[in-house]
Amino acid sequence: MTKRNYVQMNFRNSIISKLEPGYFWDVDLSVLDENSSSRLIIERIFSLGKMDEMNLVIQFYGQEKILNVLCNLPYIDPKTFNFIIKLFNKPAEEFKCFRRKQSNPRLWNS
């Protein structure tokens, strides 16, 4: 079996093949690995994905790993952040992006 056939076979059997390729516009899908690229996959699916794709990712990685990744992201857009804290019933203070935002207050609103 050639390396290309092996990559294609693994791609068809992986979780990545079940996700919208457009989420990974800047990555070569043939080298994207669900284990070494878990942070990227989780971040993109929770930022851009649909609920069925989020459920697929939760089933694959498990809630603990997903929360570990999401809690350590330096930035999550406000809409996605609100959805995540409601979905997982976690306090906002447990997320790095929230603590980081609180430590950099704006001087004025304009």
Protein backbone atom coordinates (compact mmCIF):
# COMPACT_ATOMS: atom_id res chain seq x y z
CA MET A 1 0.00 0.00 0.00
CA THR A 2 1.41 3.38 -0.96
CA LYS A 3 1.57 6.26 1.48
CA ARG A 4 -1.06 8.14 -0.52
CA ASN A 5 -3.53 5.22 -0.36
CA TYR A 6 -2.87 4.85 3.37
CA VAL A 7 -3.60 8.56 3.93
CA GLN A 8 -6.76 8.37 1.83
CA MET A 9 -7.96 5.27 3.69
CA ASN A 10 -7.32 6.87 7.08
CA PHE A 11 -9.03 10.07 5.93
CA ARG A 12 -12.20 8.17 5.02
CA ASN A 13 -12.28 6.46 8.44
CA SER A 14 -11.50 9.54 10.51
CA ILE A 15 -13.76 12.07 12.16
CA ILE A 16 -12.29 14.74 9.91
CA SER A 17 -13.98 13.20 6.87
CA LYS A 18 -17.35 13.74 8.57
CA LEU A 19 -16.77 17.47 9.09
CA GLU A 20 -17.22 20.29 6.61
CA PRO A 21 -13.85 20.75 4.83
CA GLY A 22 -14.49 24.50 4.57
CA TYR A 23 -13.81 24.86 8.30
CA PHE A 24 -10.19 23.96 7.59
CA TRP A 25 -9.60 26.22 4.60
CA ASP A 26 -6.04 26.98 5.66
CA VAL A 27 -4.93 23.39 6.39
CA ASP A 28 -3.98 20.52 4.10
CA LEU A 29 -6.66 17.95 4.98
CA SER A 30 -4.45 15.04 3.97
CA VAL A 31 -2.04 15.81 6.83
CA LEU A 32 -4.65 16.87 9.40
CA ASP A 33 -4.66 14.30 12.21
CA GLU A 34 -7.47 14.08 14.74
CA ASN A 35 -5.07 13.37 17.59
CA SER A 36 -2.31 15.91 17.01
CA SER A 37 -4.73 18.54 15.66
CA SER A 38 -7.43 18.13 18.31
CA ARG A 39 -7.17 21.75 19.50
CA LEU A 40 -7.67 23.10 15.97
CA ILE A 41 -10.57 20.74 15.26
CA ILE A 42 -12.37 21.51 18.52
CA GLU A 43 -11.84 25.25 18.16
CA ARG A 44 -13.10 25.36 14.56
CA ILE A 45 -16.12 23.13 15.13
CA PHE A 46 -17.29 25.04 18.19
CA SER A 47 -16.74 28.37 16.44
CA LEU A 48 -18.10 27.51 13.00
CA GLY A 49 -19.82 24.12 13.14
CA LYS A 50 -23.38 22.92 13.38
CA MET A 51 -24.83 21.16 16.41
CA ASP A 52 -24.61 17.68 14.87
CA GLU A 53 -20.90 18.25 14.16
CA MET A 54 -20.38 19.45 17.73
CA ASN A 55 -22.07 16.29 19.02
CA LEU A 56 -19.83 14.18 16.79
CA VAL A 57 -16.72 15.91 18.17
CA ILE A 58 -17.98 15.52 21.75
CA GLN A 59 -18.52 11.79 21.16
CA PHE A 60 -15.07 11.40 19.62
CA TYR A 61 -12.96 13.40 22.09
CA GLY A 62 -15.13 13.29 25.20
CA GLN A 63 -16.46 16.21 27.21
CA GLU A 64 -13.42 16.43 29.50
CA LYS A 65 -10.92 16.92 26.66
CA ILE A 66 -13.19 19.40 24.90
CA LEU A 67 -13.63 21.48 28.04
CA ASN A 68 -9.88 21.38 28.65
CA VAL A 69 -9.23 22.76 25.15
CA LEU A 70 -12.02 25.36 25.26
CA CYS A 71 -11.10 26.58 28.75
CA ASN A 72 -7.52 27.21 27.63
CA LEU A 73 -8.21 29.08 24.40
CA PRO A 74 -6.99 32.69 24.59
CA TYR A 75 -9.97 33.98 22.56
CA ILE A 76 -13.50 32.81 21.87
CA ASP A 77 -15.93 35.17 20.17
CA PRO A 78 -18.68 36.37 22.54
CA LYS A 79 -21.55 34.53 20.85
CA THR A 80 -19.69 31.21 20.83
CA PHE A 81 -18.50 31.77 24.40
CA ASN A 82 -22.05 32.30 25.64
CA PHE A 83 -23.19 29.15 23.83
CA ILE A 84 -20.33 27.07 25.32
CA ILE A 85 -20.93 28.14 28.91
CA LYS A 86 -24.64 27.34 28.55
CA LEU A 87 -24.02 24.02 26.75
CA PHE A 88 -21.53 22.72 29.31
CA ASN A 89 -23.01 24.58 32.31
CA LYS A 90 -19.59 25.99 33.26
CA PRO A 91 -18.92 29.32 34.97
CA ALA A 92 -17.32 31.93 32.73
CA GLU A 93 -14.48 32.41 35.21
CA GLU A 94 -13.09 28.97 34.33
CA PHE A 95 -12.25 30.10 30.80
CA LYS A 96 -8.92 31.73 30.00
CA CYS A 97 -10.52 34.04 27.43
CA PHE A 98 -12.87 35.44 30.08
CA ARG A 99 -10.12 35.97 32.67
CA ARG A 100 -7.92 37.57 30.02
CA LYS A 101 -10.70 39.95 28.97
CA GLN A 102 -11.32 40.93 32.60
CA SER A 103 -7.64 41.67 33.18
CA ASN A 104 -7.57 44.08 30.20
CA PRO A 105 -10.49 46.46 30.87
CA ARG A 106 -11.26 49.22 28.44
CA LEU A 107 -10.68 52.72 29.72
CA TRP A 108 -13.83 54.04 28.12
CA ASN A 109 -16.55 52.82 25.84
CA SER A 110 -16.68 54.51 22.48
